[in-house]
Amino acid sequence: MKRIDIDGAIRLHTLWRRQFMNAFAGGDYADMPLSEHRSCTLAQAMVDLEGADIGQLVAIHDRFHAIANDIIDLSNNGLGDSADLLLPELNEASHLLVGQLDRLREQRGG
């Protein structure tokens, strides 16, 4: 079974989320390459993983990116205020993703 660098995945995810949230908090939508999440390295790493725990991780990860896409679409269409309303949901999805990565690390002994 293929292994992923879980700590590295959490670190990269947290850095991206922080940049994303800061861009929106500061109103600097245009200054952040918001489409970077579409080339997510975690998604690439999960492709060859197996197990029931991976299914839940993929679902949580997909939900996180769906919310990010909604925020990007709203902001690109001039609906920044509506996009702002989704930020708490994105933050919650982010915490769920990191929590699932932590559980995966515990289950796999490392």
Protein backbone atom coordinates (compact mmCIF):
# COMPACT_ATOMS: atom_id res chain seq x y z
CA MET A 1 0.00 0.00 0.00
CA LYS A 2 1.31 3.43 -0.93
CA ARG A 3 2.20 5.79 1.92
CA ILE A 4 1.76 9.54 2.02
CA ASP A 5 3.56 12.15 4.07
CA ILE A 6 0.66 12.98 6.38
CA ASP A 7 2.51 15.68 8.30
CA GLY A 8 3.57 17.29 5.03
CA ALA A 9 0.00 17.11 3.72
CA ILE A 10 -1.34 18.79 6.88
CA ARG A 11 1.35 21.47 6.69
CA LEU A 12 0.65 22.28 3.02
CA HIS A 13 -3.10 22.24 3.56
CA THR A 14 -2.87 24.53 6.59
CA LEU A 15 -0.60 26.96 4.76
CA TRP A 16 -2.96 27.12 1.77
CA ARG A 17 -6.03 27.58 4.00
CA ARG A 18 -4.33 30.38 5.93
CA GLN A 19 -3.40 32.19 2.71
CA PHE A 20 -6.91 31.72 1.35
CA MET A 21 -8.57 33.02 4.52
CA ASN A 22 -6.17 35.98 4.75
CA ALA A 23 -6.83 36.93 1.12
CA PHE A 24 -10.55 37.04 1.77
CA ALA A 25 -10.26 38.74 5.14
CA GLY A 26 -8.20 41.51 3.57
CA GLY A 27 -10.42 41.81 0.52
CA ASP A 28 -7.46 40.89 -1.69
CA TYR A 29 -9.33 38.38 -3.82
CA ALA A 30 -7.41 39.26 -6.97
CA ASP A 31 -4.01 39.01 -5.30
CA MET A 32 -4.19 35.32 -4.46
CA PRO A 33 -3.95 32.56 -7.04
CA LEU A 34 -7.23 31.06 -5.85
CA SER A 35 -7.19 28.25 -8.39
CA GLU A 36 -4.10 26.63 -6.84
CA HIS A 37 -6.28 24.19 -4.93
CA ARG A 38 -7.28 22.61 -8.25
CA SER A 39 -3.79 21.09 -8.44
CA CYS A 40 -3.89 19.75 -4.89
CA THR A 41 -0.96 17.49 -4.05
CA LEU A 42 -3.01 15.58 -1.46
CA ALA A 43 -5.52 14.58 -4.14
CA GLN A 44 -2.67 13.24 -6.24
CA ALA A 45 -1.24 11.29 -3.29
CA MET A 46 -4.61 9.72 -2.43
CA VAL A 47 -5.18 8.26 -5.91
CA ASP A 48 -3.34 5.00 -5.18
CA LEU A 49 -4.30 4.61 -1.52
CA GLU A 50 -6.67 1.88 -0.39
CA GLY A 51 -8.87 1.20 2.60
CA ALA A 52 -12.15 2.29 4.15
CA ASP A 53 -10.44 5.14 6.00
CA ILE A 54 -9.36 6.57 2.66
CA GLY A 55 -12.97 6.76 1.41
CA GLN A 56 -13.90 9.08 4.25
CA LEU A 57 -10.75 11.17 3.75
CA VAL A 58 -11.55 11.56 0.04
CA ALA A 59 -15.13 12.61 0.82
CA ILE A 60 -14.00 15.24 3.34
CA HIS A 61 -11.28 16.45 0.98
CA ASP A 62 -13.73 16.72 -1.92
CA ARG A 63 -16.15 18.70 0.27
CA PHE A 64 -13.39 21.13 1.24
CA HIS A 65 -12.58 21.79 -2.41
CA ALA A 66 -16.26 22.10 -3.37
CA ILE A 67 -16.67 24.88 -0.80
CA ALA A 68 -13.46 26.57 -2.00
CA ASN A 69 -14.79 26.40 -5.58
CA ASP A 70 -18.07 27.98 -4.48
CA ILE A 71 -16.19 30.80 -2.75
CA ILE A 72 -14.04 31.39 -5.82
CA ASP A 73 -17.04 31.37 -8.16
CA LEU A 74 -18.96 33.81 -5.98
CA SER A 75 -16.02 36.18 -5.65
CA ASN A 76 -15.25 36.01 -9.39
CA ASN A 77 -18.87 36.97 -10.08
CA GLY A 78 -18.76 40.04 -7.86
CA LEU A 79 -20.48 38.39 -4.90
CA GLY A 80 -17.72 38.80 -2.33
CA ASP A 81 -20.18 39.28 0.52
CA SER A 82 -21.82 35.94 -0.27
CA ALA A 83 -18.39 34.34 -0.57
CA ASP A 84 -17.50 35.66 2.90
CA LEU A 85 -20.50 33.83 4.34
CA LEU A 86 -18.99 30.50 3.26
CA LEU A 87 -15.66 31.07 5.00
CA PRO A 88 -16.76 29.54 8.34
CA GLU A 89 -17.96 26.44 6.46
CA LEU A 90 -14.61 26.22 4.66
CA ASN A 91 -12.82 26.55 7.99
CA GLU A 92 -14.91 23.72 9.48
CA ALA A 93 -14.25 21.50 6.45
CA SER A 94 -10.55 22.24 6.83
CA HIS A 95 -10.56 21.15 10.47
CA LEU A 96 -12.41 17.95 9.54
CA LEU A 97 -9.82 17.22 6.86
CA VAL A 98 -6.89 17.70 9.22
CA GLY A 99 -8.66 15.59 11.86
CA GLN A 100 -9.17 12.78 9.35
CA LEU A 101 -5.50 12.96 8.34
CA ASP A 102 -4.56 12.70 12.03
CA ARG A 103 -6.80 9.61 12.40
CA LEU A 104 -5.23 8.08 9.30
CA ARG A 105 -1.77 8.59 10.78
CA GLU A 106 -2.85 6.91 14.05
CA GLN A 107 -4.45 3.98 12.23
CA ARG A 108 -1.37 3.41 10.12
CA GLY A 109 0.99 3.68 13.05
CA GLY A 110 2.92 6.71 12.15
